[in-house]
């Protein structure tokens, strides 16, 4: 909780405005690289873009050249997660399995990237006011004057570095997937962008006016929540639905299952952005919780909402995507709800 208080100011409105401008600029650069009629793995394209964004906005660092290695490292980290859920997982790194060796190499590579960024910042002595600066200079507001250790800075930066691009990229990839299959929703999205933006790039101040764009993103995350399952540990014995859970029990909640529960959602498997016309994108009754909830709700929730909407706006202004015939798109539930074989699309210039 203490470290969460130290991180939280990085996501206040004044910082979000600046982050938004950087997101738009990087998305504009990315979409200009595509060729009309080209085949893209939109999953990988979004991963590359959101990695560049988290590197620039939160750490003022260029990590684009490291994107392929970070992508491979993420795959290795994701692959070992089922083993880490088993009893005795604290010893898994000592078991010489191929998946374990790949995981250890991946962890070393990603940690090396973060330490490179931290060391470059310390050497430069600069303070650009980004998240990394705040972590390195943070003091607890309640009077504890101890700054974060290098390891704490690394851990916090690493968590945000990985989660800050993986989840948003996954959400966007599935959004392009559903839009490619729903031309009426895609046309309504284009109409809003053409009316609100009139050919210019979006800004932070446009967000309240991009209502349908927000509805599309919210509905996509209802069907395909990036964090498809969220775990919590019971601090003390808990009575739940007639069952007694001992202290330290692991409780798994699934946004994916709740979001598709017909008790709460009419036509739960249908993509219907209009169901969000009331603008209630922040339901707190836990029928919709793509970012979790309670005191441990994702600290970067507002950052991710803004990023998703702005990137959709920048890219959909100029492109529409169609699924490549014959390419089978399957869900693969790991840490995040990934696509098993990627999402291959044909890019068509508007």
Protein backbone atom coordinates (compact mmCIF):
# COMPACT_ATOMS: atom_id res chain seq x y z
CA UNK A 1 0.00 0.00 0.00
CA UNK A 2 2.87 2.36 0.87
CA UNK A 3 4.52 1.84 -2.51
CA UNK A 4 1.17 2.25 -4.25
CA UNK A 5 0.87 5.73 -2.67
CA UNK A 6 4.32 6.55 -4.06
CA UNK A 7 3.36 5.45 -7.59
CA UNK A 8 -0.14 6.97 -7.69
CA UNK A 9 0.89 10.61 -8.42
CA UNK A 10 2.37 9.52 -11.76
CA UNK A 11 -1.18 8.87 -12.95
CA UNK A 12 -2.75 12.18 -11.90
CA UNK A 13 -4.44 14.28 -14.55
CA UNK A 14 -1.55 16.70 -15.13
CA UNK A 15 0.73 13.82 -16.07
CA UNK A 16 -1.94 12.05 -18.14
CA UNK A 17 -2.23 15.06 -20.44
CA UNK A 18 1.46 14.80 -21.32
CA UNK A 19 1.32 11.02 -21.63
CA UNK A 20 -1.61 11.37 -24.03
CA UNK A 21 0.36 13.60 -26.38
CA UNK A 22 3.23 11.09 -26.44
CA UNK A 23 0.85 8.20 -27.07
CA UNK A 24 -0.70 9.97 -30.04
CA UNK A 25 2.67 10.86 -31.55
CA UNK A 26 3.96 7.28 -31.29
CA UNK A 27 0.72 5.83 -32.65
CA UNK A 28 0.88 8.24 -35.59
CA UNK A 29 4.44 7.13 -36.34
CA UNK A 30 3.41 3.48 -36.16
CA UNK A 31 0.40 3.73 -38.45
CA UNK A 32 2.48 5.58 -41.08
CA UNK A 33 4.75 2.53 -41.46
CA UNK A 34 1.99 0.28 -42.74
CA UNK A 35 1.30 -0.28 -46.44
CA UNK A 36 -2.12 -0.57 -48.01
CA UNK A 37 -2.95 -4.23 -48.55
CA UNK A 38 -0.16 -5.48 -46.27
CA UNK A 39 -0.68 -8.47 -43.99
CA UNK A 40 -0.05 -7.66 -40.34
CA UNK A 41 -0.09 -9.59 -37.11
CA UNK A 42 -2.05 -6.89 -35.33
CA UNK A 43 -1.31 -8.53 -32.00
CA UNK A 44 2.43 -8.04 -32.48
CA UNK A 45 1.96 -4.54 -33.93
CA UNK A 46 0.07 -3.47 -30.81
CA UNK A 47 2.69 -5.06 -28.56
CA UNK A 48 5.45 -3.13 -30.31
CA UNK A 49 3.50 0.15 -30.11
CA UNK A 50 2.47 -0.12 -26.46
CA UNK A 51 6.01 -1.14 -25.46
CA UNK A 52 7.33 2.03 -27.08
CA UNK A 53 4.65 4.04 -25.28
CA UNK A 54 5.34 2.65 -21.81
CA UNK A 55 9.07 3.15 -22.34
CA UNK A 56 8.64 6.75 -23.41
CA UNK A 57 5.82 7.92 -21.14
CA UNK A 58 6.78 6.25 -17.88
CA UNK A 59 10.55 6.00 -18.22
CA UNK A 60 11.52 8.56 -20.90
CA UNK A 61 13.47 5.77 -22.59
CA UNK A 62 13.60 4.44 -26.13
CA UNK A 63 13.08 0.66 -25.97
CA UNK A 64 11.83 0.09 -29.51
CA UNK A 65 15.03 -1.67 -30.60
CA UNK A 66 14.61 -4.10 -27.72
CA UNK A 67 11.00 -4.89 -28.61
CA UNK A 68 11.69 -8.30 -30.23
CA UNK A 69 13.78 -9.48 -27.27
CA UNK A 70 11.24 -8.17 -24.75
CA UNK A 71 8.48 -9.89 -26.72
CA UNK A 72 10.32 -13.22 -26.58
CA UNK A 73 11.00 -12.69 -22.89
CA UNK A 74 7.31 -12.05 -22.26
CA UNK A 75 6.44 -15.31 -24.02
CA UNK A 76 8.86 -17.17 -21.75
CA UNK A 77 7.50 -15.49 -18.62
CA UNK A 78 3.95 -16.32 -19.68
CA UNK A 79 4.82 -19.95 -20.45
CA UNK A 80 6.06 -20.70 -16.95
CA UNK A 81 3.10 -19.19 -15.11
CA UNK A 82 1.07 -22.46 -14.93
CA UNK A 83 4.02 -24.03 -13.09
CA UNK A 84 4.23 -21.08 -10.69
CA UNK A 85 0.65 -21.78 -9.59
CA UNK A 86 1.57 -25.27 -8.33
CA UNK A 87 2.58 -26.17 -4.76
CA UNK A 88 6.32 -25.86 -4.27
CA UNK A 89 6.61 -23.31 -7.07
CA UNK A 90 9.19 -21.37 -5.06
CA UNK A 91 11.68 -24.07 -5.99
CA UNK A 92 10.81 -24.23 -9.70
CA UNK A 93 13.79 -22.14 -10.76
CA UNK A 94 16.09 -24.90 -9.49
CA UNK A 95 14.48 -27.55 -11.70
CA UNK A 96 16.46 -27.78 -14.97
CA UNK A 97 13.47 -27.89 -17.33
CA UNK A 98 13.63 -26.18 -20.77
CA UNK A 99 10.76 -23.88 -19.78
CA UNK A 100 12.63 -22.96 -16.59
CA UNK A 101 15.85 -22.15 -18.45
CA UNK A 102 13.95 -19.98 -20.91
CA UNK A 103 12.25 -18.23 -18.02
CA UNK A 104 15.52 -17.47 -16.24
CA UNK A 105 17.09 -16.11 -19.44
CA UNK A 106 13.97 -14.01 -20.04
CA UNK A 107 13.93 -12.64 -16.48
CA UNK A 108 17.61 -11.69 -16.79
CA UNK A 109 17.02 -9.90 -20.10
CA UNK A 110 14.01 -7.90 -18.91
CA UNK A 111 15.66 -7.00 -15.60
CA UNK A 112 18.73 -5.92 -17.56
CA UNK A 113 16.60 -3.59 -19.64
CA UNK A 114 15.11 -2.00 -16.52
CA UNK A 115 18.50 -1.66 -14.80
CA UNK A 116 19.92 -0.07 -17.96
CA UNK A 117 17.19 2.56 -17.84
CA UNK A 118 17.71 3.16 -14.11
CA UNK A 119 21.50 3.42 -14.43
CA UNK A 120 21.28 5.79 -17.38
CA UNK A 121 18.94 8.00 -15.36
CA UNK A 122 21.25 8.04 -12.35
CA UNK A 123 24.25 8.82 -14.55
CA UNK A 124 22.49 11.69 -16.31
CA UNK A 125 21.14 13.25 -13.12
CA UNK A 126 18.07 14.36 -15.07
CA UNK A 127 14.58 14.55 -13.65
CA UNK A 128 12.05 14.65 -16.49
CA UNK A 129 9.16 14.20 -14.06
CA UNK A 130 8.21 10.75 -15.31
CA UNK A 131 7.29 7.69 -13.25
CA UNK A 132 10.89 6.55 -12.91
CA UNK A 133 11.91 9.93 -11.47
CA UNK A 134 9.09 9.68 -8.95
CA UNK A 135 10.07 6.17 -7.93
CA UNK A 136 13.70 7.14 -7.44
CA UNK A 137 12.84 10.23 -5.40
CA UNK A 138 9.75 8.93 -3.62
CA UNK A 139 9.15 9.35 0.08
CA UNK A 140 6.15 8.08 1.97
CA UNK A 141 3.65 10.89 2.53
CA UNK A 142 2.83 9.63 6.02
CA UNK A 143 6.22 10.53 7.40
CA UNK A 144 8.45 7.57 6.57
CA UNK A 145 11.39 9.29 4.93
CA UNK A 146 12.99 6.10 3.60
CA UNK A 147 13.27 6.15 -0.16
CA UNK A 148 12.72 3.01 -2.18
CA UNK A 149 15.73 0.75 -2.47
CA UNK A 150 17.15 0.01 -5.90
CA UNK A 151 15.43 -3.37 -5.76
CA UNK A 152 12.07 -1.78 -4.93
CA UNK A 153 12.48 0.71 -7.78
CA UNK A 154 13.35 -2.15 -10.09
CA UNK A 155 10.37 -4.24 -8.96
CA UNK A 156 7.88 -1.39 -9.34
CA UNK A 157 9.34 -0.32 -12.70
CA UNK A 158 9.41 -3.90 -13.94
CA UNK A 159 5.78 -4.52 -13.01
CA UNK A 160 4.58 -1.39 -14.77
CA UNK A 161 6.91 -1.95 -17.71
CA UNK A 162 5.52 -5.42 -18.40
CA UNK A 163 1.89 -4.99 -17.36
CA UNK A 164 1.72 -1.51 -18.86
CA UNK A 165 2.17 -2.75 -22.40
CA UNK A 166 1.04 -6.39 -22.40
CA UNK A 167 -2.52 -5.81 -21.19
CA UNK A 168 -3.28 -2.75 -23.32
CA UNK A 169 -1.80 -4.35 -26.43
CA UNK A 170 -3.92 -7.46 -25.87
CA UNK A 171 -7.07 -5.37 -25.37
CA UNK A 172 -6.42 -3.41 -28.56
CA UNK A 173 -5.65 -6.53 -30.62
CA UNK A 174 -8.98 -8.07 -29.64
CA UNK A 175 -10.72 -4.76 -30.39
CA UNK A 176 -9.42 -4.78 -33.97
CA UNK A 177 -10.49 -8.43 -34.17
CA UNK A 178 -14.12 -7.71 -33.26
CA UNK A 179 -14.30 -4.55 -35.37
CA UNK A 180 -13.13 -6.53 -38.40
CA UNK A 181 -16.19 -8.75 -37.97
CA UNK A 182 -18.71 -5.99 -37.27
CA UNK A 183 -18.69 -3.49 -40.15
CA UNK A 184 -21.66 -1.52 -38.77
CA UNK A 185 -19.83 -0.83 -35.51
CA UNK A 186 -16.67 -0.01 -37.47
CA UNK A 187 -18.61 2.46 -39.65
CA UNK A 188 -20.09 4.14 -36.56
CA UNK A 189 -16.59 4.44 -35.08
CA UNK A 190 -15.26 6.03 -38.27
CA UNK A 191 -18.20 8.42 -38.39
CA UNK A 192 -17.52 9.64 -34.86
CA UNK A 193 -13.81 10.11 -35.54
CA UNK A 194 -14.47 12.01 -38.76
CA UNK A 195 -16.98 14.29 -37.00
CA UNK A 196 -15.09 14.95 -33.77
CA UNK A 197 -11.57 15.14 -35.15
CA UNK A 198 -12.15 16.23 -38.76
CA UNK A 199 -8.82 14.78 -39.89
CA UNK A 200 -6.62 16.07 -37.04
CA UNK A 201 -4.93 13.98 -34.39
CA UNK A 202 -6.81 13.52 -31.09
CA UNK A 203 -5.76 15.11 -27.82
CA UNK A 204 -6.51 14.46 -24.17
CA UNK A 205 -9.32 17.04 -24.32
CA UNK A 206 -11.09 15.05 -27.05
CA UNK A 207 -11.62 12.04 -24.80
CA UNK A 208 -15.03 13.12 -23.40
CA UNK A 209 -16.29 13.58 -26.98
CA UNK A 210 -15.14 10.20 -28.27
CA UNK A 211 -18.07 8.43 -26.65
CA UNK A 212 -18.59 5.69 -29.20
CA UNK A 213 -14.86 5.00 -29.33
CA UNK A 214 -15.00 4.44 -25.57
CA UNK A 215 -18.04 2.19 -25.97
CA UNK A 216 -16.18 0.05 -28.51
CA UNK A 217 -13.17 -0.32 -26.21
CA UNK A 218 -15.35 -1.08 -23.18
CA UNK A 219 -17.34 -3.72 -25.04
CA UNK A 220 -14.21 -5.34 -26.43
CA UNK A 221 -12.79 -5.62 -22.90
CA UNK A 222 -16.08 -7.11 -21.75
CA UNK A 223 -15.77 -9.94 -24.27
CA UNK A 224 -11.98 -10.24 -24.12
CA UNK A 225 -10.70 -8.87 -20.80
CA UNK A 226 -6.88 -8.93 -20.95
CA UNK A 227 -6.67 -9.98 -17.29
CA UNK A 228 -9.13 -12.87 -17.69
CA UNK A 229 -8.53 -14.10 -14.12
CA UNK A 230 -7.48 -12.18 -11.01
CA UNK A 231 -6.16 -13.80 -7.84
CA UNK A 232 -6.26 -12.61 -4.25
CA UNK A 233 -5.10 -14.21 -1.00
CA UNK A 234 -7.47 -14.28 1.97
CA UNK A 235 -5.77 -12.52 4.89
CA UNK A 236 -8.04 -14.25 7.41
CA UNK A 237 -10.71 -17.01 7.38
CA UNK A 238 -13.60 -16.04 5.13
CA UNK A 239 -17.21 -17.21 4.79
CA UNK A 240 -18.21 -17.16 1.13
CA UNK A 241 -21.39 -18.62 -0.38
CA UNK A 242 -21.68 -21.19 2.37
CA UNK A 243 -18.02 -22.19 2.26
CA UNK A 244 -15.31 -21.43 4.79
CA UNK A 245 -12.01 -20.40 3.21
CA UNK A 246 -8.98 -20.72 5.50
CA UNK A 247 -6.56 -17.85 5.86
CA UNK A 248 -4.05 -17.66 3.00
CA UNK A 249 -6.47 -19.32 0.59
CA UNK A 250 -6.04 -18.21 -3.01
CA UNK A 251 -9.30 -16.88 -4.44
CA UNK A 252 -9.58 -16.61 -8.23
CA UNK A 253 -12.08 -14.20 -9.80
CA UNK A 254 -12.67 -14.31 -13.55
CA UNK A 255 -13.75 -11.15 -15.38
CA UNK A 256 -14.08 -13.30 -18.51
CA UNK A 257 -16.75 -15.51 -16.93
CA UNK A 258 -18.55 -12.67 -15.18
CA UNK A 259 -18.57 -10.49 -18.30
CA UNK A 260 -20.30 -13.28 -20.25
CA UNK A 261 -22.80 -14.24 -17.56
CA UNK A 262 -26.33 -14.06 -19.02
CA UNK A 263 -27.70 -13.19 -15.58
CA UNK A 264 -26.10 -9.75 -15.88
CA UNK A 265 -25.60 -9.27 -19.61
CA UNK A 266 -28.31 -9.73 -22.26
CA UNK A 267 -26.89 -11.49 -25.34
CA UNK A 268 -23.61 -11.90 -23.45
CA UNK A 269 -21.59 -13.32 -26.36
CA UNK A 270 -22.61 -10.59 -28.80
CA UNK A 271 -20.45 -7.52 -29.51
CA UNK A 272 -22.83 -4.62 -28.79
CA UNK A 273 -21.09 -1.29 -28.06
CA UNK A 274 -24.50 0.35 -27.61
CA UNK A 275 -24.92 -1.40 -24.26
CA UNK A 276 -22.49 1.25 -22.93
CA UNK A 277 -24.51 4.22 -24.18
CA UNK A 278 -25.16 5.32 -20.58
CA UNK A 279 -21.43 6.03 -20.25
CA UNK A 280 -21.04 3.87 -17.14
CA UNK A 281 -17.57 2.57 -18.01
CA UNK A 282 -16.59 2.23 -14.35
CA UNK A 283 -19.11 -0.22 -12.95
CA UNK A 284 -18.29 -0.97 -9.35
CA UNK A 285 -20.76 -3.80 -8.77
CA UNK A 286 -18.18 -6.29 -10.08
CA UNK A 287 -20.26 -7.39 -13.04
CA UNK A 288 -17.58 -5.59 -15.07
CA UNK A 289 -14.03 -5.35 -13.75
CA UNK A 290 -11.39 -5.57 -16.49
CA UNK A 291 -8.95 -3.73 -14.21
CA UNK A 292 -9.86 -5.49 -10.99
CA UNK A 293 -11.44 -3.58 -8.12
CA UNK A 294 -11.25 -2.53 -4.51
CA UNK A 295 -8.15 -1.00 -2.92
CA UNK A 296 -5.87 -3.00 -5.23
CA UNK A 297 -7.51 -1.99 -8.49
CA UNK A 298 -4.98 -1.49 -11.27
CA UNK A 299 -3.03 1.68 -10.45
CA UNK A 300 -2.74 2.47 -14.16
CA UNK A 301 -6.45 2.12 -14.97
CA UNK A 302 -6.93 5.70 -16.20
CA UNK A 303 -3.67 5.50 -18.15
CA UNK A 304 -4.87 2.32 -19.90
CA UNK A 305 -8.33 3.70 -20.69
CA UNK A 306 -6.81 6.80 -22.21
CA UNK A 307 -4.24 4.82 -24.17
CA UNK A 308 -6.82 2.44 -25.59
CA UNK A 309 -9.16 5.18 -26.76
CA UNK A 310 -6.46 7.45 -28.18
CA UNK A 311 -4.74 4.63 -30.07
CA UNK A 312 -8.04 3.44 -31.51
CA UNK A 313 -8.77 7.00 -32.63
CA UNK A 314 -5.38 7.59 -34.27
CA UNK A 315 -5.28 4.28 -36.12
CA UNK A 316 -8.96 3.96 -37.11
CA UNK A 317 -8.84 7.43 -38.68
CA UNK A 318 -6.63 5.99 -41.40
CA UNK A 319 -7.03 2.21 -41.40
CA UNK A 320 -9.55 -0.58 -41.32
CA UNK A 321 -8.54 -4.21 -40.88
CA UNK A 322 -9.92 -7.44 -42.30
CA UNK A 323 -9.12 -10.90 -41.01
CA UNK A 324 -6.90 -12.96 -43.28
CA UNK A 325 -9.02 -15.80 -44.73
CA UNK A 326 -8.06 -19.20 -43.42
CA UNK A 327 -6.17 -17.90 -40.40
CA UNK A 328 -7.74 -19.36 -37.28
CA UNK A 329 -7.85 -17.04 -34.28
CA UNK A 330 -8.03 -18.87 -30.96
CA UNK A 331 -8.03 -17.65 -27.39
CA UNK A 332 -5.17 -18.73 -25.14
CA UNK A 333 -5.71 -18.01 -21.46
CA UNK A 334 -2.32 -17.51 -19.81
CA UNK A 335 -1.46 -14.52 -17.61
CA UNK A 336 -3.41 -12.49 -20.13
CA UNK A 337 -6.04 -13.57 -22.65
CA UNK A 338 -3.76 -13.86 -25.65
CA UNK A 339 -4.42 -15.10 -29.17
CA UNK A 340 -2.88 -18.53 -29.70
CA UNK A 341 -1.53 -17.97 -33.21
CA UNK A 342 -1.69 -14.19 -33.43
CA UNK A 343 -4.37 -12.15 -35.20
CA UNK A 344 -3.43 -11.76 -38.86
CA UNK A 345 -5.21 -8.99 -40.74
CA UNK A 346 -5.06 -7.19 -44.03
CA UNK A 347 -4.57 -3.43 -43.58
CA UNK A 348 -6.79 -1.33 -45.82
CA UNK A 349 -6.28 2.42 -46.07
CA UNK A 350 -9.44 4.45 -45.59
